PDB file of N, CA and C in Angstrom:
ATOM      1  N   UNK A   1       0.814  -1.204   0.000  1.00  0.00           N
ATOM      2  CA  UNK A   1       0.000   0.000   0.000  1.00  0.00           C
ATOM      3  C   UNK A   1       0.856   1.267   0.000  1.00  0.00           C
ATOM      4  N   UNK A   2       2.129   1.136   0.285  1.00  0.00           N
ATOM      5  CA  UNK A   2       2.996   2.313   0.299  1.00  0.00           C
ATOM      6  C   UNK A   2       3.578   2.551  -1.087  1.00  0.00           C
ATOM      7  N   UNK A   3       3.353   3.722  -1.594  1.00  0.00           N
ATOM      8  CA  UNK A   3       3.833   4.141  -2.899  1.00  0.00           C
ATOM      9  C   UNK A   3       4.593   5.450  -2.732  1.00  0.00           C
ATOM     10  N   UNK A   4       5.345   5.872  -3.719  1.00  0.00           N
ATOM     11  CA  UNK A   4       6.089   7.136  -3.600  1.00  0.00           C
ATOM     12  C   UNK A   4       5.211   8.334  -3.225  1.00  0.00           C
ATOM     13  N   UNK A   5       3.947   8.299  -3.644  1.00  0.00           N
ATOM     14  CA  UNK A   5       3.058   9.419  -3.303  1.00  0.00           C
ATOM     15  C   UNK A   5       2.387   9.266  -1.943  1.00  0.00           C
ATOM     16  N   UNK A   6       2.631   8.162  -1.248  1.00  0.00           N
ATOM     17  CA  UNK A   6       2.070   7.952   0.090  1.00  0.00           C
ATOM     18  C   UNK A   6       1.344   6.623   0.171  1.00  0.00           C
ATOM     19  N   UNK A   7       0.507   6.495   1.164  1.00  0.00           N
ATOM     20  CA  UNK A   7      -0.271   5.270   1.378  1.00  0.00           C
ATOM     21  C   UNK A   7      -1.514   5.309   0.490  1.00  0.00           C
ATOM     22  N   UNK A   8      -1.737   4.213  -0.217  1.00  0.00           N
ATOM     23  CA  UNK A   8      -2.887   4.132  -1.115  1.00  0.00           C
ATOM     24  C   UNK A   8      -3.846   3.079  -0.576  1.00  0.00           C
ATOM     25  N   UNK A   9      -5.096   3.466  -0.409  1.00  0.00           N
ATOM     26  CA  UNK A   9      -6.095   2.536   0.088  1.00  0.00           C
ATOM     27  C   UNK A   9      -6.336   2.705   1.576  1.00  0.00           C
ATOM     28  N   UNK A  10      -7.253   1.898   2.075  1.00  0.00           N
ATOM     29  CA  UNK A  10      -7.628   1.965   3.494  1.00  0.00           C
ATOM     30  C   UNK A  10      -6.521   1.363   4.357  1.00  0.00           C
ATOM     31  N   UNK A  11      -6.345   1.888   5.564  1.00  0.00           N
ATOM     32  CA  UNK A  11      -5.377   1.266   6.473  1.00  0.00           C
ATOM     33  C   UNK A  11      -5.889  -0.103   6.918  1.00  0.00           C
ATOM     34  N   UNK A  12      -4.979  -0.979   7.287  1.00  0.00           N
ATOM     35  CA  UNK A  12      -5.373  -2.292   7.779  1.00  0.00           C
ATOM     36  C   UNK A  12      -5.892  -2.225   9.212  1.00  0.00           C
ATOM     37  N   UNK A  13      -5.366  -1.288   9.991  1.00  0.00           N
ATOM     38  CA  UNK A  13      -5.720  -1.153  11.409  1.00  0.00           C
ATOM     39  C   UNK A  13      -6.009   0.311  11.718  1.00  0.00           C
ATOM     40  N   UNK A  14      -7.139   0.551  12.366  1.00  0.00           N
ATOM     41  CA  UNK A  14      -7.489   1.891  12.854  1.00  0.00           C
ATOM     42  C   UNK A  14      -7.693   1.788  14.353  1.00  0.00           C
ATOM     43  N   UNK A  15      -7.061   2.701  15.104  1.00  0.00           N
ATOM     44  CA  UNK A  15      -7.218   2.763  16.550  1.00  0.00           C
ATOM     45  C   UNK A  15      -7.783   4.136  16.893  1.00  0.00           C
ATOM     46  N   UNK A  16      -8.961   4.154  17.490  1.00  0.00           N
ATOM     47  CA  UNK A  16      -9.613   5.400  17.916  1.00  0.00           C
ATOM     48  C   UNK A  16      -9.574   5.472  19.433  1.00  0.00           C
ATOM     49  N   UNK A  17      -9.213   6.626  19.943  1.00  0.00           N
ATOM     50  CA  UNK A  17      -9.311   6.878  21.376  1.00  0.00           C
ATOM     51  C   UNK A  17     -10.629   7.612  21.587  1.00  0.00           C
ATOM     52  N   UNK A  18     -11.537   6.986  22.326  1.00  0.00           N
ATOM     53  CA  UNK A  18     -12.879   7.523  22.513  1.00  0.00           C
ATOM     54  C   UNK A  18     -12.889   8.669  23.509  1.00  0.00           C
ATOM     55  N   UNK A  19     -13.756   9.605  23.244  1.00  0.00           N
ATOM     56  CA  UNK A  19     -14.059  10.646  24.218  1.00  0.00           C
ATOM     57  C   UNK A  19     -15.575  10.630  24.403  1.00  0.00           C
ATOM     58  N   UNK A  20     -16.053  11.100  25.544  1.00  0.00           N
ATOM     59  CA  UNK A  20     -17.507  11.059  25.772  1.00  0.00           C
ATOM     60  C   UNK A  20     -18.311  11.758  24.680  1.00  0.00           C
ATOM     61  N   UNK A  21     -17.756  12.798  24.089  1.00  0.00           N
ATOM     62  CA  UNK A  21     -18.513  13.555  23.093  1.00  0.00           C
ATOM     63  C   UNK A  21     -18.547  12.891  21.718  1.00  0.00           C
ATOM     64  N   UNK A  22     -17.642  11.948  21.438  1.00  0.00           N
ATOM     65  CA  UNK A  22     -17.614  11.328  20.115  1.00  0.00           C
ATOM     66  C   UNK A  22     -17.792   9.816  20.140  1.00  0.00           C
ATOM     67  N   UNK A  23     -17.958   9.220  21.294  1.00  0.00           N
ATOM     68  CA  UNK A  23     -17.997   7.760  21.409  1.00  0.00           C
ATOM     69  C   UNK A  23     -19.113   7.147  20.565  1.00  0.00           C
ATOM     70  N   UNK A  24     -20.286   7.731  20.580  1.00  0.00           N
ATOM     71  CA  UNK A  24     -21.389   7.166  19.800  1.00  0.00           C
ATOM     72  C   UNK A  24     -21.047   7.159  18.313  1.00  0.00           C
ATOM     73  N   UNK A  25     -20.539   8.275  17.823  1.00  0.00           N
ATOM     74  CA  UNK A  25     -20.171   8.389  16.408  1.00  0.00           C
ATOM     75  C   UNK A  25     -19.083   7.373  16.054  1.00  0.00           C
ATOM     76  N   UNK A  26     -18.089   7.230  16.921  1.00  0.00           N
ATOM     77  CA  UNK A  26     -16.992   6.295  16.664  1.00  0.00           C
ATOM     78  C   UNK A  26     -17.490   4.855  16.618  1.00  0.00           C
ATOM     79  N   UNK A  27     -18.400   4.515  17.514  1.00  0.00           N
ATOM     80  CA  UNK A  27     -18.880   3.134  17.609  1.00  0.00           C
ATOM     81  C   UNK A  27     -19.936   2.800  16.560  1.00  0.00           C
ATOM     82  N   UNK A  28     -20.570   3.789  16.008  1.00  0.00           N
ATOM     83  CA  UNK A  28     -21.676   3.527  15.083  1.00  0.00           C
ATOM     84  C   UNK A  28     -21.284   3.882  13.641  1.00  0.00           C
ATOM     85  N   UNK A  29     -21.201   5.157  13.344  1.00  0.00           N
ATOM     86  CA  UNK A  29     -21.009   5.557  11.949  1.00  0.00           C
ATOM     87  C   UNK A  29     -19.588   5.310  11.450  1.00  0.00           C
ATOM     88  N   UNK A  30     -18.588   5.532  12.289  1.00  0.00           N
ATOM     89  CA  UNK A  30     -17.218   5.283  11.842  1.00  0.00           C
ATOM     90  C   UNK A  30     -16.981   3.793  11.632  1.00  0.00           C
ATOM     91  N   UNK A  31     -17.534   2.970  12.496  1.00  0.00           N
ATOM     92  CA  UNK A  31     -17.406   1.523  12.337  1.00  0.00           C
ATOM     93  C   UNK A  31     -17.951   1.096  10.973  1.00  0.00           C
ATOM     94  N   UNK A  32     -19.108   1.607  10.620  1.00  0.00           N
ATOM     95  CA  UNK A  32     -19.728   1.285   9.340  1.00  0.00           C
ATOM     96  C   UNK A  32     -18.868   1.779   8.165  1.00  0.00           C
ATOM     97  N   UNK A  33     -18.350   2.987   8.301  1.00  0.00           N
ATOM     98  CA  UNK A  33     -17.527   3.565   7.234  1.00  0.00           C
ATOM     99  C   UNK A  33     -16.220   2.804   7.060  1.00  0.00           C
ATOM    100  N   UNK A  34     -15.600   2.426   8.170  1.00  0.00           N
ATOM    101  CA  UNK A  34     -14.342   1.678   8.084  1.00  0.00           C
ATOM    102  C   UNK A  34     -14.560   0.311   7.446  1.00  0.00           C
ATOM    103  N   UNK A  35     -15.639  -0.338   7.806  1.00  0.00           N
ATOM    104  CA  UNK A  35     -15.948  -1.647   7.208  1.00  0.00           C
ATOM    105  C   UNK A  35     -16.125  -1.499   5.692  1.00  0.00           C
ATOM    106  N   UNK A  36     -16.878  -0.490   5.283  1.00  0.00           N
ATOM    107  CA  UNK A  36     -17.122  -0.269   3.849  1.00  0.00           C
ATOM    108  C   UNK A  36     -15.836   0.076   3.100  1.00  0.00           C
ATOM    109  N   UNK A  37     -14.907   0.742   3.769  1.00  0.00           N
ATOM    110  CA  UNK A  37     -13.657   1.150   3.127  1.00  0.00           C
ATOM    111  C   UNK A  37     -12.642   0.020   3.017  1.00  0.00           C
ATOM    112  N   UNK A  38     -12.860  -1.067   3.774  1.00  0.00           N
ATOM    113  CA  UNK A  38     -11.936  -2.185   3.704  1.00  0.00           C
ATOM    114  C   UNK A  38     -10.928  -2.273   4.833  1.00  0.00           C
ATOM    115  N   UNK A  39     -11.150  -1.500   5.905  1.00  0.00           N
ATOM    116  CA  UNK A  39     -10.300  -1.622   7.091  1.00  0.00           C
ATOM    117  C   UNK A  39     -10.486  -3.027   7.663  1.00  0.00           C
ATOM    118  N   UNK A  40      -9.397  -3.663   8.032  1.00  0.00           N
ATOM    119  CA  UNK A  40      -9.478  -5.048   8.503  1.00  0.00           C
ATOM    120  C   UNK A  40      -9.723  -5.159  10.006  1.00  0.00           C
ATOM    121  N   UNK A  41      -9.177  -4.220  10.776  1.00  0.00           N
ATOM    122  CA  UNK A  41      -9.271  -4.313  12.241  1.00  0.00           C
ATOM    123  C   UNK A  41      -9.473  -2.902  12.805  1.00  0.00           C
ATOM    124  N   UNK A  42     -10.440  -2.769  13.708  1.00  0.00           N
ATOM    125  CA  UNK A  42     -10.792  -1.466  14.287  1.00  0.00           C
ATOM    126  C   UNK A  42     -10.778  -1.588  15.800  1.00  0.00           C
ATOM    127  N   UNK A  43      -9.952  -0.764  16.438  1.00  0.00           N
ATOM    128  CA  UNK A  43      -9.856  -0.741  17.891  1.00  0.00           C
ATOM    129  C   UNK A  43     -10.484   0.542  18.411  1.00  0.00           C
ATOM    130  N   UNK A  44     -11.327   0.418  19.435  1.00  0.00           N
ATOM    131  CA  UNK A  44     -11.897   1.576  20.118  1.00  0.00           C
ATOM    132  C   UNK A  44     -11.385   1.546  21.560  1.00  0.00           C
ATOM    133  N   UNK A  45     -10.588   2.528  21.908  1.00  0.00           N
ATOM    134  CA  UNK A  45      -9.943   2.582  23.214  1.00  0.00           C
ATOM    135  C   UNK A  45     -10.695   3.574  24.091  1.00  0.00           C
ATOM    136  N   UNK A  46     -11.177   3.105  25.232  1.00  0.00           N
ATOM    137  CA  UNK A  46     -11.857   3.975  26.189  1.00  0.00           C
ATOM    138  C   UNK A  46     -10.919   4.201  27.368  1.00  0.00           C
ATOM    139  N   UNK A  47     -10.243   5.354  27.405  1.00  0.00           N
ATOM    140  CA  UNK A  47      -9.271   5.598  28.472  1.00  0.00           C
ATOM    141  C   UNK A  47      -9.918   5.783  29.844  1.00  0.00           C
ATOM    142  N   UNK A  48     -11.186   6.174  29.871  1.00  0.00           N
ATOM    143  CA  UNK A  48     -11.864   6.388  31.153  1.00  0.00           C
ATOM    144  C   UNK A  48     -12.257   5.059  31.803  1.00  0.00           C
ATOM    145  N   UNK A  49     -12.769   4.140  31.002  1.00  0.00           N
ATOM    146  CA  UNK A  49     -13.155   2.823  31.519  1.00  0.00           C
ATOM    147  C   UNK A  49     -12.008   1.816  31.462  1.00  0.00           C
ATOM    148  N   UNK A  50     -10.915   2.207  30.792  1.00  0.00           N
ATOM    149  CA  UNK A  50      -9.751   1.338  30.604  1.00  0.00           C
ATOM    150  C   UNK A  50     -10.134   0.034  29.915  1.00  0.00           C
ATOM    151  N   UNK A  51     -10.816   0.213  28.792  1.00  0.00           N
ATOM    152  CA  UNK A  51     -11.264  -0.904  27.965  1.00  0.00           C
ATOM    153  C   UNK A  51     -10.820  -0.687  26.527  1.00  0.00           C
ATOM    154  N   UNK A  52     -10.633  -1.779  25.818  1.00  0.00           N
ATOM    155  CA  UNK A  52     -10.393  -1.734  24.383  1.00  0.00           C
ATOM    156  C   UNK A  52     -11.373  -2.699  23.731  1.00  0.00           C
ATOM    157  N   UNK A  53     -12.116  -2.200  22.754  1.00  0.00           N
ATOM    158  CA  UNK A  53     -13.026  -3.033  21.977  1.00  0.00           C
ATOM    159  C   UNK A  53     -12.380  -3.246  20.611  1.00  0.00           C
ATOM    160  N   UNK A  54     -12.241  -4.512  20.221  1.00  0.00           N
ATOM    161  CA  UNK A  54     -11.602  -4.846  18.952  1.00  0.00           C
ATOM    162  C   UNK A  54     -12.635  -5.477  18.029  1.00  0.00           C
ATOM    163  N   UNK A  55     -12.792  -4.886  16.852  1.00  0.00           N
ATOM    164  CA  UNK A  55     -13.680  -5.429  15.827  1.00  0.00           C
ATOM    165  C   UNK A  55     -12.831  -5.914  14.658  1.00  0.00           C
ATOM    166  N   UNK A  56     -12.965  -7.194  14.336  1.00  0.00           N
ATOM    167  CA  UNK A  56     -12.320  -7.746  13.150  1.00  0.00           C
ATOM    168  C   UNK A  56     -13.314  -7.600  12.013  1.00  0.00           C
ATOM    169  N   UNK A  57     -13.051  -6.652  11.125  1.00  0.00           N
ATOM    170  CA  UNK A  57     -14.038  -6.283  10.117  1.00  0.00           C
ATOM    171  C   UNK A  57     -13.954  -7.130   8.864  1.00  0.00           C
ATOM    172  N   UNK A  58     -12.799  -7.675   8.579  1.00  0.00           N
ATOM    173  CA  UNK A  58     -12.622  -8.422   7.337  1.00  0.00           C
ATOM    174  C   UNK A  58     -13.300  -9.787   7.401  1.00  0.00           C
ATOM    175  N   UNK A  59     -12.968 -10.574   8.402  1.00  0.00           N
ATOM    176  CA  UNK A  59     -13.497 -11.935   8.492  1.00  0.00           C
ATOM    177  C   UNK A  59     -14.431 -12.135   9.675  1.00  0.00           C
ATOM    178  N   UNK A  60     -14.448 -11.184  10.588  1.00  0.00           N
ATOM    179  CA  UNK A  60     -15.227 -11.361  11.804  1.00  0.00           C
ATOM    180  C   UNK A  60     -16.690 -11.043  11.599  1.00  0.00           C
ATOM    181  N   UNK A  61     -17.440 -11.244  12.670  1.00  0.00           N
ATOM    182  CA  UNK A  61     -18.871 -10.992  12.616  1.00  0.00           C
ATOM    183  C   UNK A  61     -19.219  -9.539  12.890  1.00  0.00           C
ATOM    184  N   UNK A  62     -18.206  -8.716  13.169  1.00  0.00           N
ATOM    185  CA  UNK A  62     -18.442  -7.307  13.425  1.00  0.00           C
ATOM    186  C   UNK A  62     -18.694  -6.981  14.871  1.00  0.00           C
ATOM    187  N   UNK A  63     -18.918  -8.005  15.706  1.00  0.00           N
ATOM    188  CA  UNK A  63     -19.128  -7.763  17.121  1.00  0.00           C
ATOM    189  C   UNK A  63     -17.781  -7.584  17.793  1.00  0.00           C
ATOM    190  N   UNK A  64     -17.664  -6.598  18.666  1.00  0.00           N
ATOM    191  CA  UNK A  64     -16.361  -6.361  19.294  1.00  0.00           C
ATOM    192  C   UNK A  64     -16.036  -7.396  20.366  1.00  0.00           C
ATOM    193  N   UNK A  65     -14.756  -7.664  20.487  1.00  0.00           N
ATOM    194  CA  UNK A  65     -14.237  -8.403  21.632  1.00  0.00           C
ATOM    195  C   UNK A  65     -13.715  -7.343  22.593  1.00  0.00           C
ATOM    196  N   UNK A  66     -14.134  -7.425  23.839  1.00  0.00           N
ATOM    197  CA  UNK A  66     -13.795  -6.390  24.822  1.00  0.00           C
ATOM    198  C   UNK A  66     -12.673  -6.897  25.717  1.00  0.00           C
ATOM    199  N   UNK A  67     -11.666  -6.047  25.886  1.00  0.00           N
ATOM    200  CA  UNK A  67     -10.516  -6.354  26.721  1.00  0.00           C
ATOM    201  C   UNK A  67     -10.413  -5.307  27.829  1.00  0.00           C
ATOM    202  N   UNK A  68     -10.099  -5.768  29.043  1.00  0.00           N
ATOM    203  CA  UNK A  68      -9.927  -4.876  30.183  1.00  0.00           C
ATOM    204  C   UNK A  68      -8.462  -4.585  30.448  1.00  0.00           C
ATOM    205  N   UNK A  69      -8.221  -3.737  31.433  1.00  0.00           N
ATOM    206  CA  UNK A  69      -6.870  -3.232  31.683  1.00  0.00           C
ATOM    207  C   UNK A  69      -5.860  -4.308  32.062  1.00  0.00           C
ATOM    208  N   UNK A  70      -6.303  -5.480  32.486  1.00  0.00           N
ATOM    209  CA  UNK A  70      -5.391  -6.564  32.856  1.00  0.00           C
ATOM    210  C   UNK A  70      -5.148  -7.540  31.703  1.00  0.00           C
ATOM    211  N   UNK A  71      -5.821  -7.331  30.580  1.00  0.00           N
ATOM    212  CA  UNK A  71      -5.750  -8.273  29.461  1.00  0.00           C
ATOM    213  C   UNK A  71      -4.607  -7.952  28.511  1.00  0.00           C
ATOM    214  N   UNK A  72      -4.308  -8.929  27.675  1.00  0.00           N
ATOM    215  CA  UNK A  72      -3.368  -8.764  26.575  1.00  0.00           C
ATOM    216  C   UNK A  72      -4.151  -8.920  25.287  1.00  0.00           C
ATOM    217  N   UNK A  73      -4.002  -7.941  24.395  1.00  0.00           N
ATOM    218  CA  UNK A  73      -4.778  -7.913  23.161  1.00  0.00           C
ATOM    219  C   UNK A  73      -3.928  -8.429  21.999  1.00  0.00           C
ATOM    220  N   UNK A  74      -4.368  -9.479  21.337  1.00  0.00           N
ATOM    221  CA  UNK A  74      -3.644  -9.919  20.149  1.00  0.00           C
ATOM    222  C   UNK A  74      -3.960  -9.001  18.970  1.00  0.00           C
ATOM    223  N   UNK A  75      -2.956  -8.734  18.166  1.00  0.00           N
ATOM    224  CA  UNK A  75      -3.155  -7.953  16.943  1.00  0.00           C
ATOM    225  C   UNK A  75      -3.275  -8.971  15.811  1.00  0.00           C
ATOM    226  N   UNK A  76      -4.457  -9.122  15.281  1.00  0.00           N
ATOM    227  CA  UNK A  76      -4.710 -10.213  14.328  1.00  0.00           C
ATOM    228  C   UNK A  76      -3.880 -10.094  13.057  1.00  0.00           C
ATOM    229  N   UNK A  77      -3.446  -8.905  12.735  1.00  0.00           N
ATOM    230  CA  UNK A  77      -2.667  -8.696  11.516  1.00  0.00           C
ATOM    231  C   UNK A  77      -1.249  -9.242  11.621  1.00  0.00           C
ATOM    232  N   UNK A  78      -0.776  -9.427  12.848  1.00  0.00           N
ATOM    233  CA  UNK A  78       0.588  -9.902  13.084  1.00  0.00           C
ATOM    234  C   UNK A  78       0.535 -11.013  14.130  1.00  0.00           C
ATOM    235  N   UNK A  79       0.812 -12.231  13.716  1.00  0.00           N
ATOM    236  CA  UNK A  79       0.661 -13.394  14.586  1.00  0.00           C
ATOM    237  C   UNK A  79       1.494 -13.307  15.859  1.00  0.00           C
ATOM    238  N   UNK A  80       2.631 -12.640  15.812  1.00  0.00           N
ATOM    239  CA  UNK A  80       3.520 -12.600  16.968  1.00  0.00           C
ATOM    240  C   UNK A  80       3.448 -11.283  17.745  1.00  0.00           C
ATOM    241  N   UNK A  81       2.393 -10.489  17.521  1.00  0.00           N
ATOM    242  CA  UNK A  81       2.274  -9.203  18.213  1.00  0.00           C
ATOM    243  C   UNK A  81       1.039  -9.190  19.108  1.00  0.00           C
ATOM    244  N   UNK A  82       1.243  -8.805  20.356  1.00  0.00           N
ATOM    245  CA  UNK A  82       0.139  -8.579  21.285  1.00  0.00           C
ATOM    246  C   UNK A  82       0.517  -7.406  22.176  1.00  0.00           C
ATOM    247  N   UNK A  83      -0.483  -6.750  22.714  1.00  0.00           N
ATOM    248  CA  UNK A  83      -0.263  -5.549  23.526  1.00  0.00           C
ATOM    249  C   UNK A  83      -0.856  -5.762  24.899  1.00  0.00           C
ATOM    250  N   UNK A  84       0.007  -5.609  25.917  1.00  0.00           N
ATOM    251  CA  UNK A  84      -0.444  -5.727  27.300  1.00  0.00           C
ATOM    252  C   UNK A  84      -1.063  -4.393  27.712  1.00  0.00           C
ATOM    253  N   UNK A  85      -2.344  -4.406  28.000  1.00  0.00           N
ATOM    254  CA  UNK A  85      -3.045  -3.156  28.305  1.00  0.00           C
ATOM    255  C   UNK A  85      -2.590  -2.535  29.617  1.00  0.00           C
ATOM    256  N   UNK A  86      -2.050  -3.331  30.502  1.00  0.00           N
ATOM    257  CA  UNK A  86      -1.535  -2.792  31.750  1.00  0.00           C
ATOM    258  C   UNK A  86      -0.415  -1.780  31.473  1.00  0.00           C
ATOM    259  N   UNK A  87       0.356  -2.019  30.412  1.00  0.00           N
ATOM    260  CA  UNK A  87       1.406  -1.086  30.032  1.00  0.00           C
ATOM    261  C   UNK A  87       0.850   0.201  29.443  1.00  0.00           C
ATOM    262  N   UNK A  88      -0.333   0.130  28.876  1.00  0.00           N
ATOM    263  CA  UNK A  88      -0.971   1.300  28.293  1.00  0.00           C
ATOM    264  C   UNK A  88      -1.726   2.114  29.353  1.00  0.00           C
ATOM    265  N   UNK A  89      -2.527   1.422  30.151  1.00  0.00           N
ATOM    266  CA  UNK A  89      -3.383   2.091  31.111  1.00  0.00           C
ATOM    267  C   UNK A  89      -2.707   2.322  32.456  1.00  0.00           C
ATOM    268  N   UNK A  90      -1.592   1.660  32.709  1.00  0.00           N
ATOM    269  CA  UNK A  90      -0.869   1.843  33.966  1.00  0.00           C
ATOM    270  C   UNK A  90      -1.440   1.109  35.140  1.00  0.00           C
TER     271      UNK A  90
END
């Protein structure tokens, strides 16, 4: 997807940090738009609740898997990559 003029096409992974004023839009309309654009994985990070919702848009059913601050989140795009949320949320 990387060309001399920049990135062409939809990103494979989108990570949104939710705020109370935009959470509904991020979870509803952006999710729909990202799926239509071909984004493969969409993460919604709620820093207040210390949760991460992961939607696998390419092959998944679209329902998020929810991870809490003590969990480790696998990144489906990379078999050997996972993120410990304790390191993110403290």
